[in-house]
């Protein structure tokens, strides 16, 4: 397996764009959850990060990198679909929160393996620039999207976040396609 640089850079841009767009919506999505859930989630995250770190030696290859990247994106797609299908409820908010915590468990690993896979400082810099551009563009898109909805008369926060998730669904599908294109069999 090898990493195809151009599709991978698009993946980094789109992935960060997604998170830039969603940054404001989590405050609405997590509204039903009590603060203690976040404490338990933090504890679970720390334990998950420890477990993943213990397996770094076995995980530091492109095949695992590909599989974990794809897993993270499929879990993200599942959380978007869950919100669109079931709208706002305590269980759905908990599912979305747990989905994001699961994604974050692999964050450290993905950063470490990306460093090894890209090897050169110039490529790491390029990947980080793409990530920051995506995140910045995503926050701008979210702001403009919310303002456009307000201008059209949609002022309820939950309705705005629901409409945003339709856009996120399309974006997440593009992200999964970019992951599939980023990793190629030799």
N, C-alpha and C. Protein backbone atom coordinates (compact mmCIF):
# COMPACT_ATOMS: atom_id res chain seq x y z
N UNK A 1 0.84 -1.17 0.00
CA UNK A 1 0.00 0.00 0.00
C UNK A 1 0.90 1.24 0.00
N UNK A 2 0.44 2.28 -0.71
CA UNK A 2 1.18 3.53 -0.73
C UNK A 2 0.19 4.68 -0.57
N UNK A 3 0.72 5.81 -0.13
CA UNK A 3 -0.08 7.00 0.07
C UNK A 3 0.01 7.87 -1.18
N UNK A 4 -1.13 8.21 -1.76
CA UNK A 4 -1.18 9.10 -2.92
C UNK A 4 -1.29 10.54 -2.39
N UNK A 5 -0.27 11.34 -2.59
CA UNK A 5 -0.15 12.63 -1.94
C UNK A 5 -1.29 13.60 -2.29
N UNK A 6 -1.56 13.82 -3.54
CA UNK A 6 -2.57 14.81 -3.92
C UNK A 6 -3.95 14.48 -3.34
N UNK A 7 -4.46 13.25 -3.52
CA UNK A 7 -5.75 12.93 -2.88
C UNK A 7 -5.70 13.03 -1.36
N UNK A 8 -4.54 12.68 -0.78
CA UNK A 8 -4.41 12.77 0.67
C UNK A 8 -4.50 14.22 1.14
N UNK A 9 -3.90 15.13 0.41
CA UNK A 9 -3.98 16.54 0.77
C UNK A 9 -5.41 17.06 0.65
N UNK A 10 -6.14 16.59 -0.36
CA UNK A 10 -7.55 16.94 -0.48
C UNK A 10 -8.34 16.38 0.70
N UNK A 11 -7.99 15.17 1.10
CA UNK A 11 -8.63 14.57 2.27
C UNK A 11 -8.40 15.45 3.50
N UNK A 12 -7.16 15.91 3.72
CA UNK A 12 -6.86 16.74 4.87
C UNK A 12 -7.67 18.04 4.82
N UNK A 13 -7.77 18.65 3.64
CA UNK A 13 -8.53 19.88 3.48
C UNK A 13 -10.01 19.65 3.79
N UNK A 14 -10.59 18.62 3.16
CA UNK A 14 -12.02 18.34 3.35
C UNK A 14 -12.34 17.95 4.79
N UNK A 15 -11.47 17.14 5.39
CA UNK A 15 -11.68 16.72 6.76
C UNK A 15 -11.67 17.92 7.71
N UNK A 16 -10.74 18.82 7.52
CA UNK A 16 -10.68 20.02 8.36
C UNK A 16 -11.83 20.97 8.06
N UNK A 17 -12.23 21.03 6.80
CA UNK A 17 -13.39 21.82 6.41
C UNK A 17 -14.61 21.33 7.18
N UNK A 18 -14.79 20.02 7.24
CA UNK A 18 -15.90 19.42 7.98
C UNK A 18 -15.89 19.88 9.43
N UNK A 19 -14.73 19.77 10.08
CA UNK A 19 -14.67 20.13 11.48
C UNK A 19 -14.80 21.64 11.69
N UNK A 20 -14.36 22.43 10.74
CA UNK A 20 -14.58 23.86 10.81
C UNK A 20 -16.05 24.21 10.72
N UNK A 21 -16.77 23.52 9.85
CA UNK A 21 -18.20 23.75 9.69
C UNK A 21 -18.96 23.31 10.95
N UNK A 22 -18.53 22.22 11.57
CA UNK A 22 -19.29 21.68 12.71
C UNK A 22 -18.98 22.35 14.03
N UNK A 23 -17.92 23.14 14.11
CA UNK A 23 -17.46 23.65 15.40
C UNK A 23 -18.57 24.35 16.20
N UNK A 24 -19.40 25.10 15.58
CA UNK A 24 -20.48 25.78 16.30
C UNK A 24 -21.67 24.91 16.60
N UNK A 25 -21.86 23.86 15.82
CA UNK A 25 -23.06 23.04 15.99
C UNK A 25 -23.00 22.13 17.21
N UNK A 26 -21.80 21.80 17.69
CA UNK A 26 -21.71 20.88 18.83
C UNK A 26 -22.37 21.46 20.07
N UNK A 27 -22.37 22.77 20.21
CA UNK A 27 -23.01 23.37 21.37
C UNK A 27 -24.52 23.13 21.36
N UNK A 28 -25.08 23.05 20.18
CA UNK A 28 -26.50 22.73 20.05
C UNK A 28 -26.72 21.23 20.18
N UNK A 29 -25.87 20.45 19.52
CA UNK A 29 -26.02 18.99 19.55
C UNK A 29 -25.93 18.42 20.95
N UNK A 30 -25.06 18.97 21.76
CA UNK A 30 -24.82 18.42 23.11
C UNK A 30 -25.72 19.03 24.18
N UNK A 31 -26.64 19.89 23.81
CA UNK A 31 -27.51 20.56 24.77
C UNK A 31 -28.20 19.60 25.75
N UNK A 32 -28.72 18.46 25.31
CA UNK A 32 -29.44 17.58 26.25
C UNK A 32 -28.53 16.91 27.30
N UNK A 33 -27.23 16.92 27.09
CA UNK A 33 -26.32 16.19 27.98
C UNK A 33 -25.99 17.00 29.23
N UNK A 34 -25.91 16.30 30.36
CA UNK A 34 -25.51 16.96 31.59
C UNK A 34 -23.99 17.02 31.67
N UNK A 35 -23.44 17.97 32.43
CA UNK A 35 -21.98 18.16 32.49
C UNK A 35 -21.21 16.90 32.92
N UNK A 36 -21.79 16.05 33.75
CA UNK A 36 -21.08 14.85 34.20
C UNK A 36 -20.75 13.91 33.05
N UNK A 37 -21.57 13.94 32.01
CA UNK A 37 -21.30 13.09 30.84
C UNK A 37 -19.97 13.49 30.21
N UNK A 38 -19.68 14.77 30.18
CA UNK A 38 -18.42 15.24 29.58
C UNK A 38 -17.23 14.80 30.42
N UNK A 39 -17.41 14.76 31.74
CA UNK A 39 -16.34 14.26 32.61
C UNK A 39 -16.08 12.79 32.35
N UNK A 40 -17.15 12.00 32.28
CA UNK A 40 -16.98 10.57 31.98
C UNK A 40 -16.39 10.37 30.59
N UNK A 41 -16.83 11.18 29.64
CA UNK A 41 -16.29 11.09 28.29
C UNK A 41 -14.81 11.40 28.25
N UNK A 42 -14.38 12.38 29.04
CA UNK A 42 -12.96 12.71 29.13
C UNK A 42 -12.14 11.58 29.72
N UNK A 43 -12.69 10.94 30.74
CA UNK A 43 -12.01 9.78 31.34
C UNK A 43 -11.89 8.65 30.32
N UNK A 44 -12.99 8.36 29.63
CA UNK A 44 -12.98 7.30 28.61
C UNK A 44 -12.00 7.65 27.49
N UNK A 45 -11.96 8.90 27.10
CA UNK A 45 -11.02 9.34 26.05
C UNK A 45 -9.58 9.10 26.49
N UNK A 46 -9.25 9.50 27.71
CA UNK A 46 -7.89 9.32 28.21
C UNK A 46 -7.51 7.83 28.24
N UNK A 47 -8.42 6.99 28.67
CA UNK A 47 -8.15 5.54 28.70
C UNK A 47 -7.99 5.02 27.27
N UNK A 48 -8.87 5.45 26.37
CA UNK A 48 -8.77 5.03 24.98
C UNK A 48 -7.46 5.44 24.34
N UNK A 49 -7.01 6.66 24.61
CA UNK A 49 -5.73 7.13 24.09
C UNK A 49 -4.58 6.28 24.61
N UNK A 50 -4.65 5.89 25.88
CA UNK A 50 -3.61 5.02 26.46
C UNK A 50 -3.58 3.67 25.77
N UNK A 51 -4.76 3.10 25.54
CA UNK A 51 -4.83 1.78 24.90
C UNK A 51 -4.27 1.84 23.48
N UNK A 52 -4.68 2.84 22.72
CA UNK A 52 -4.19 2.98 21.35
C UNK A 52 -2.67 3.17 21.36
N UNK A 53 -2.17 4.01 22.26
CA UNK A 53 -0.73 4.25 22.33
C UNK A 53 0.05 2.97 22.63
N UNK A 54 -0.53 2.08 23.40
CA UNK A 54 0.13 0.81 23.72
C UNK A 54 0.32 -0.06 22.48
N UNK A 55 -0.51 0.16 21.46
CA UNK A 55 -0.45 -0.66 20.25
C UNK A 55 0.24 0.04 19.08
N UNK A 56 0.87 1.17 19.33
CA UNK A 56 1.54 1.90 18.25
C UNK A 56 2.49 1.02 17.43
N UNK A 57 3.24 0.20 18.10
CA UNK A 57 4.23 -0.61 17.39
C UNK A 57 3.59 -1.47 16.31
N UNK A 58 2.42 -2.02 16.59
CA UNK A 58 1.72 -2.87 15.62
C UNK A 58 0.92 -2.04 14.61
N UNK A 59 0.64 -0.78 14.96
CA UNK A 59 -0.24 0.05 14.13
C UNK A 59 0.51 0.96 13.17
N UNK A 60 1.81 1.04 13.27
CA UNK A 60 2.57 2.00 12.48
C UNK A 60 2.89 1.49 11.08
N UNK A 61 1.83 1.29 10.30
CA UNK A 61 2.00 0.93 8.90
C UNK A 61 0.84 1.51 8.10
N UNK A 62 1.01 1.59 6.80
CA UNK A 62 0.00 2.26 5.96
C UNK A 62 -1.34 1.55 5.91
N UNK A 63 -1.33 0.23 6.00
CA UNK A 63 -2.60 -0.50 5.97
C UNK A 63 -3.46 -0.14 7.18
N UNK A 64 -2.87 -0.12 8.35
CA UNK A 64 -3.61 0.25 9.56
C UNK A 64 -4.00 1.73 9.49
N UNK A 65 -3.11 2.56 9.00
CA UNK A 65 -3.39 3.98 8.82
C UNK A 65 -4.63 4.16 7.94
N UNK A 66 -4.68 3.44 6.85
CA UNK A 66 -5.84 3.48 5.96
C UNK A 66 -7.10 3.03 6.67
N UNK A 67 -7.02 1.90 7.35
CA UNK A 67 -8.21 1.34 8.01
C UNK A 67 -8.72 2.24 9.13
N UNK A 68 -7.81 2.78 9.91
CA UNK A 68 -8.23 3.68 10.99
C UNK A 68 -8.81 4.97 10.41
N UNK A 69 -8.18 5.51 9.38
CA UNK A 69 -8.71 6.72 8.74
C UNK A 69 -10.11 6.48 8.21
N UNK A 70 -10.31 5.36 7.56
CA UNK A 70 -11.63 5.02 7.03
C UNK A 70 -12.63 4.80 8.16
N UNK A 71 -12.23 4.12 9.21
CA UNK A 71 -13.09 3.90 10.37
C UNK A 71 -13.55 5.22 10.97
N UNK A 72 -12.62 6.14 11.16
CA UNK A 72 -12.95 7.44 11.72
C UNK A 72 -13.98 8.16 10.86
N UNK A 73 -13.81 8.09 9.56
CA UNK A 73 -14.74 8.78 8.66
C UNK A 73 -16.10 8.10 8.59
N UNK A 74 -16.13 6.79 8.69
CA UNK A 74 -17.40 6.07 8.70
C UNK A 74 -18.16 6.36 10.01
N UNK A 75 -17.45 6.42 11.12
CA UNK A 75 -18.08 6.78 12.40
C UNK A 75 -18.65 8.19 12.32
N UNK A 76 -17.90 9.10 11.71
CA UNK A 76 -18.38 10.47 11.53
C UNK A 76 -19.64 10.48 10.67
N UNK A 77 -19.63 9.73 9.59
CA UNK A 77 -20.81 9.62 8.73
C UNK A 77 -22.00 9.09 9.54
N UNK A 78 -21.75 8.10 10.37
CA UNK A 78 -22.82 7.55 11.22
C UNK A 78 -23.41 8.58 12.14
N UNK A 79 -22.58 9.46 12.70
CA UNK A 79 -23.12 10.49 13.60
C UNK A 79 -23.95 11.52 12.83
N UNK A 80 -23.52 11.86 11.62
CA UNK A 80 -24.30 12.79 10.80
C UNK A 80 -25.64 12.16 10.43
N UNK A 81 -25.61 10.92 10.01
CA UNK A 81 -26.85 10.22 9.65
C UNK A 81 -27.78 10.08 10.85
N UNK A 82 -27.21 9.79 12.02
CA UNK A 82 -28.03 9.65 13.23
C UNK A 82 -28.74 10.95 13.55
N UNK A 83 -28.03 12.06 13.44
CA UNK A 83 -28.68 13.34 13.72
C UNK A 83 -29.79 13.63 12.71
N UNK A 84 -29.52 13.36 11.43
CA UNK A 84 -30.53 13.63 10.40
C UNK A 84 -31.74 12.71 10.56
N UNK A 85 -31.52 11.46 10.94
CA UNK A 85 -32.61 10.49 11.03
C UNK A 85 -33.43 10.66 12.31
N UNK A 86 -32.78 10.98 13.42
CA UNK A 86 -33.47 10.97 14.71
C UNK A 86 -33.60 12.34 15.35
N UNK A 87 -33.04 13.34 14.74
CA UNK A 87 -33.06 14.70 15.24
C UNK A 87 -32.58 14.76 16.68
N UNK A 88 -33.08 15.70 17.45
CA UNK A 88 -32.54 15.96 18.78
C UNK A 88 -33.23 15.14 19.85
N UNK A 89 -32.43 14.39 20.60
CA UNK A 89 -32.89 13.66 21.78
C UNK A 89 -31.68 13.39 22.66
N UNK A 90 -31.93 12.98 23.88
CA UNK A 90 -30.83 12.68 24.78
C UNK A 90 -29.97 11.54 24.22
N UNK A 91 -30.62 10.46 23.79
CA UNK A 91 -29.86 9.31 23.29
C UNK A 91 -29.07 9.66 22.03
N UNK A 92 -29.65 10.45 21.17
CA UNK A 92 -28.94 10.83 19.95
C UNK A 92 -27.75 11.74 20.28
N UNK A 93 -27.94 12.66 21.20
CA UNK A 93 -26.84 13.53 21.62
C UNK A 93 -25.72 12.69 22.24
N UNK A 94 -26.08 11.71 23.04
CA UNK A 94 -25.09 10.83 23.66
C UNK A 94 -24.36 10.01 22.60
N UNK A 95 -25.10 9.49 21.62
CA UNK A 95 -24.49 8.72 20.53
C UNK A 95 -23.50 9.59 19.75
N UNK A 96 -23.89 10.81 19.43
CA UNK A 96 -23.01 11.70 18.68
C UNK A 96 -21.78 12.04 19.51
N UNK A 97 -21.97 12.31 20.79
CA UNK A 97 -20.83 12.61 21.66
C UNK A 97 -19.88 11.42 21.74
N UNK A 98 -20.41 10.23 21.92
CA UNK A 98 -19.57 9.03 21.98
C UNK A 98 -18.87 8.77 20.64
N UNK A 99 -19.54 9.07 19.55
CA UNK A 99 -18.92 8.92 18.23
C UNK A 99 -17.71 9.84 18.11
N UNK A 100 -17.88 11.09 18.52
CA UNK A 100 -16.75 12.03 18.44
C UNK A 100 -15.63 11.64 19.40
N UNK A 101 -15.97 11.14 20.58
CA UNK A 101 -14.94 10.69 21.51
C UNK A 101 -14.17 9.51 20.91
N UNK A 102 -14.86 8.62 20.23
CA UNK A 102 -14.22 7.48 19.57
C UNK A 102 -13.24 7.98 18.51
N UNK A 103 -13.66 8.96 17.75
CA UNK A 103 -12.79 9.55 16.73
C UNK A 103 -11.54 10.15 17.38
N UNK A 104 -11.73 10.87 18.48
CA UNK A 104 -10.60 11.53 19.15
C UNK A 104 -9.62 10.53 19.75
N UNK A 105 -10.09 9.33 20.08
CA UNK A 105 -9.20 8.29 20.61
C UNK A 105 -8.08 8.00 19.61
N UNK A 106 -8.39 8.09 18.33
CA UNK A 106 -7.40 7.78 17.30
C UNK A 106 -6.63 9.00 16.82
N UNK A 107 -6.93 10.18 17.37
CA UNK A 107 -6.30 11.41 16.92
C UNK A 107 -4.79 11.41 17.05
N UNK A 108 -4.29 11.04 18.20
CA UNK A 108 -2.84 11.02 18.42
C UNK A 108 -2.14 10.05 17.47
N UNK A 109 -2.74 8.88 17.31
CA UNK A 109 -2.18 7.88 16.39
C UNK A 109 -2.12 8.44 14.97
N UNK A 110 -3.22 9.04 14.52
CA UNK A 110 -3.27 9.54 13.14
C UNK A 110 -2.23 10.63 12.90
N UNK A 111 -1.99 11.46 13.90
CA UNK A 111 -0.96 12.50 13.75
C UNK A 111 0.42 11.86 13.67
N UNK A 112 0.68 10.88 14.53
CA UNK A 112 1.99 10.22 14.56
C UNK A 112 2.27 9.48 13.25
N UNK A 113 1.30 8.71 12.77
CA UNK A 113 1.53 7.92 11.56
C UNK A 113 1.60 8.83 10.34
N UNK A 114 0.86 9.93 10.35
CA UNK A 114 0.96 10.88 9.24
C UNK A 114 2.38 11.42 9.15
N UNK A 115 2.98 11.72 10.29
CA UNK A 115 4.35 12.21 10.31
C UNK A 115 5.30 11.19 9.70
N UNK A 116 5.11 9.92 10.06
CA UNK A 116 5.96 8.87 9.50
C UNK A 116 5.69 8.65 8.02
N UNK A 117 4.42 8.70 7.63
CA UNK A 117 4.06 8.42 6.23
C UNK A 117 4.52 9.52 5.28
N UNK A 118 4.44 10.77 5.73
CA UNK A 118 4.82 11.87 4.84
C UNK A 118 6.32 12.11 4.82
N UNK A 119 7.00 11.73 5.89
CA UNK A 119 8.46 11.72 6.00
C UNK A 119 9.13 13.08 5.91
N UNK A 120 8.88 13.84 4.89
CA UNK A 120 9.60 15.10 4.67
C UNK A 120 8.89 16.27 5.35
N UNK A 121 9.66 17.16 5.89
CA UNK A 121 9.13 18.33 6.58
C UNK A 121 8.26 19.16 5.63
N UNK A 122 8.67 19.27 4.38
CA UNK A 122 7.91 20.07 3.41
C UNK A 122 6.52 19.49 3.19
N UNK A 123 6.41 18.17 3.18
CA UNK A 123 5.10 17.53 3.01
C UNK A 123 4.24 17.68 4.26
N UNK A 124 4.86 17.58 5.43
CA UNK A 124 4.13 17.79 6.68
C UNK A 124 3.59 19.22 6.74
N UNK A 125 4.43 20.15 6.33
CA UNK A 125 4.01 21.55 6.31
C UNK A 125 2.84 21.74 5.35
N UNK A 126 2.92 21.14 4.18
CA UNK A 126 1.85 21.24 3.19
C UNK A 126 0.55 20.65 3.75
N UNK A 127 0.64 19.50 4.40
CA UNK A 127 -0.55 18.87 5.00
C UNK A 127 -1.14 19.78 6.08
N UNK A 128 -0.31 20.37 6.92
CA UNK A 128 -0.80 21.25 7.97
C UNK A 128 -1.42 22.53 7.42
N UNK A 129 -0.84 23.05 6.35
CA UNK A 129 -1.41 24.23 5.70
C UNK A 129 -2.80 23.89 5.15
N UNK A 130 -2.93 22.73 4.53
CA UNK A 130 -4.23 22.30 4.00
C UNK A 130 -5.25 22.15 5.14
N UNK A 131 -4.81 21.58 6.25
CA UNK A 131 -5.71 21.43 7.40
C UNK A 131 -6.18 22.79 7.91
N UNK A 132 -5.26 23.73 8.06
CA UNK A 132 -5.63 25.04 8.59
C UNK A 132 -6.53 25.80 7.61
N UNK A 133 -6.23 25.68 6.31
CA UNK A 133 -7.10 26.31 5.31
C UNK A 133 -8.50 25.73 5.38
N UNK A 134 -8.58 24.40 5.46
CA UNK A 134 -9.89 23.74 5.54
C UNK A 134 -10.67 24.18 6.76
N UNK A 135 -10.00 24.24 7.90
CA UNK A 135 -10.67 24.63 9.14
C UNK A 135 -11.17 26.07 9.05
N UNK A 136 -10.34 26.96 8.55
CA UNK A 136 -10.71 28.36 8.42
C UNK A 136 -11.88 28.53 7.43
N UNK A 137 -11.77 27.88 6.29
CA UNK A 137 -12.85 27.96 5.29
C UNK A 137 -14.13 27.38 5.88
N UNK A 138 -14.02 26.28 6.62
CA UNK A 138 -15.19 25.67 7.23
C UNK A 138 -15.90 26.59 8.21
N UNK A 139 -15.14 27.31 9.03
CA UNK A 139 -15.76 28.24 9.97
C UNK A 139 -16.43 29.40 9.24
N UNK A 140 -15.80 29.86 8.15
CA UNK A 140 -16.40 30.93 7.36
C UNK A 140 -17.68 30.43 6.69
N UNK A 141 -17.63 29.22 6.13
CA UNK A 141 -18.82 28.64 5.49
C UNK A 141 -19.95 28.51 6.50
N UNK A 142 -19.64 28.01 7.70
CA UNK A 142 -20.67 27.85 8.73
C UNK A 142 -21.29 29.19 9.09
N UNK A 143 -20.45 30.20 9.28
CA UNK A 143 -20.96 31.53 9.62
C UNK A 143 -21.91 32.04 8.52
N UNK A 144 -21.45 31.98 7.29
CA UNK A 144 -22.27 32.45 6.17
C UNK A 144 -23.54 31.62 6.01
N UNK A 145 -23.43 30.32 6.24
CA UNK A 145 -24.59 29.42 6.14
C UNK A 145 -25.64 29.80 7.18
N UNK A 146 -25.21 30.00 8.43
CA UNK A 146 -26.15 30.38 9.49
C UNK A 146 -26.78 31.74 9.20
N UNK A 147 -25.98 32.69 8.73
CA UNK A 147 -26.51 34.02 8.42
C UNK A 147 -27.50 33.95 7.25
N UNK A 148 -27.21 33.11 6.26
CA UNK A 148 -28.14 32.94 5.13
C UNK A 148 -29.46 32.33 5.61
N UNK A 149 -29.37 31.36 6.51
CA UNK A 149 -30.60 30.77 7.06
C UNK A 149 -31.41 31.80 7.84
N UNK A 150 -30.72 32.63 8.62
CA UNK A 150 -31.42 33.69 9.36
C UNK A 150 -32.09 34.65 8.40
N UNK A 151 -31.39 35.01 7.34
CA UNK A 151 -31.94 35.92 6.34
C UNK A 151 -33.20 35.33 5.69
N UNK A 152 -33.20 33.98 5.54
CA UNK A 152 -34.36 33.29 4.95
C UNK A 152 -35.46 33.03 5.97
N UNK A 153 -35.24 33.41 7.22
CA UNK A 153 -36.28 33.25 8.24
C UNK A 153 -36.13 32.04 9.15
N UNK A 154 -35.07 31.27 8.99
CA UNK A 154 -34.84 30.12 9.86
C UNK A 154 -33.98 30.58 11.02
N UNK A 155 -34.63 30.80 12.18
CA UNK A 155 -33.91 31.35 13.33
C UNK A 155 -33.76 30.36 14.48
N UNK A 156 -34.49 29.26 14.45
CA UNK A 156 -34.36 28.25 15.50
C UNK A 156 -33.02 27.54 15.35
N UNK A 157 -32.25 27.47 16.43
CA UNK A 157 -30.91 26.87 16.37
C UNK A 157 -30.94 25.43 15.89
N UNK A 158 -31.88 24.65 16.36
CA UNK A 158 -31.93 23.23 16.00
C UNK A 158 -32.24 23.07 14.51
N UNK A 159 -33.09 23.93 13.97
CA UNK A 159 -33.40 23.88 12.54
C UNK A 159 -32.18 24.27 11.71
N UNK A 160 -31.43 25.25 12.18
CA UNK A 160 -30.22 25.66 11.49
C UNK A 160 -29.18 24.53 11.48
N UNK A 161 -29.01 23.88 12.61
CA UNK A 161 -28.03 22.79 12.71
C UNK A 161 -28.48 21.60 11.86
N UNK A 162 -29.79 21.35 11.83
CA UNK A 162 -30.30 20.27 10.99
C UNK A 162 -29.99 20.57 9.52
N UNK A 163 -30.26 21.77 9.07
CA UNK A 163 -29.97 22.14 7.67
C UNK A 163 -28.48 22.02 7.39
N UNK A 164 -27.66 22.43 8.35
CA UNK A 164 -26.21 22.31 8.20
C UNK A 164 -25.79 20.86 8.02
N UNK A 165 -26.48 19.95 8.71
CA UNK A 165 -26.11 18.54 8.62
C UNK A 165 -26.42 17.93 7.25
N UNK A 166 -27.33 18.51 6.53
CA UNK A 166 -27.54 18.06 5.15
C UNK A 166 -26.29 18.35 4.33
N UNK A 167 -25.75 19.55 4.50
CA UNK A 167 -24.49 19.92 3.85
C UNK A 167 -23.35 19.02 4.34
N UNK A 168 -23.31 18.73 5.64
CA UNK A 168 -22.27 17.88 6.21
C UNK A 168 -22.33 16.46 5.66
N UNK A 169 -23.53 15.97 5.38
CA UNK A 169 -23.68 14.63 4.80
C UNK A 169 -22.98 14.55 3.45
N UNK A 170 -23.21 15.53 2.61
CA UNK A 170 -22.56 15.57 1.29
C UNK A 170 -21.04 15.67 1.46
N UNK A 171 -20.62 16.54 2.35
CA UNK A 171 -19.20 16.73 2.60
C UNK A 171 -18.55 15.45 3.13
N UNK A 172 -19.23 14.76 4.03
CA UNK A 172 -18.66 13.54 4.61
C UNK A 172 -18.53 12.44 3.56
N UNK A 173 -19.44 12.36 2.65
CA UNK A 173 -19.33 11.37 1.56
C UNK A 173 -18.10 11.70 0.70
N UNK A 174 -17.89 12.98 0.42
CA UNK A 174 -16.70 13.39 -0.35
C UNK A 174 -15.42 13.06 0.43
N UNK A 175 -15.46 13.19 1.74
CA UNK A 175 -14.30 12.86 2.56
C UNK A 175 -13.98 11.37 2.47
N UNK A 176 -14.99 10.54 2.55
CA UNK A 176 -14.77 9.08 2.46
C UNK A 176 -14.21 8.72 1.10
N UNK A 177 -14.72 9.32 0.05
CA UNK A 177 -14.17 9.08 -1.30
C UNK A 177 -12.70 9.50 -1.34
N UNK A 178 -12.38 10.64 -0.72
CA UNK A 178 -10.98 11.09 -0.74
C UNK A 178 -10.07 10.15 0.05
N UNK A 179 -10.57 9.55 1.13
CA UNK A 179 -9.77 8.54 1.86
C UNK A 179 -9.52 7.34 0.96
N UNK A 180 -10.54 6.88 0.28
CA UNK A 180 -10.39 5.72 -0.61
C UNK A 180 -9.37 6.00 -1.72
N UNK A 181 -9.34 7.23 -2.21
CA UNK A 181 -8.39 7.58 -3.26
C UNK A 181 -6.98 7.82 -2.72
N UNK A 182 -6.86 8.14 -1.44
CA UNK A 182 -5.57 8.48 -0.85
C UNK A 182 -4.65 7.27 -0.64
N UNK A 183 -5.23 6.13 -0.46
CA UNK A 183 -4.45 4.93 -0.18
C UNK A 183 -4.60 3.98 -1.34
N UNK A 184 -3.50 3.61 -1.94
CA UNK A 184 -3.54 2.77 -3.14
C UNK A 184 -2.75 1.50 -2.91
N UNK A 185 -3.27 0.42 -3.49
CA UNK A 185 -2.55 -0.84 -3.45
C UNK A 185 -1.36 -0.73 -4.39
N UNK A 186 -0.26 -1.34 -4.03
CA UNK A 186 0.92 -1.29 -4.91
C UNK A 186 0.72 -2.13 -6.12
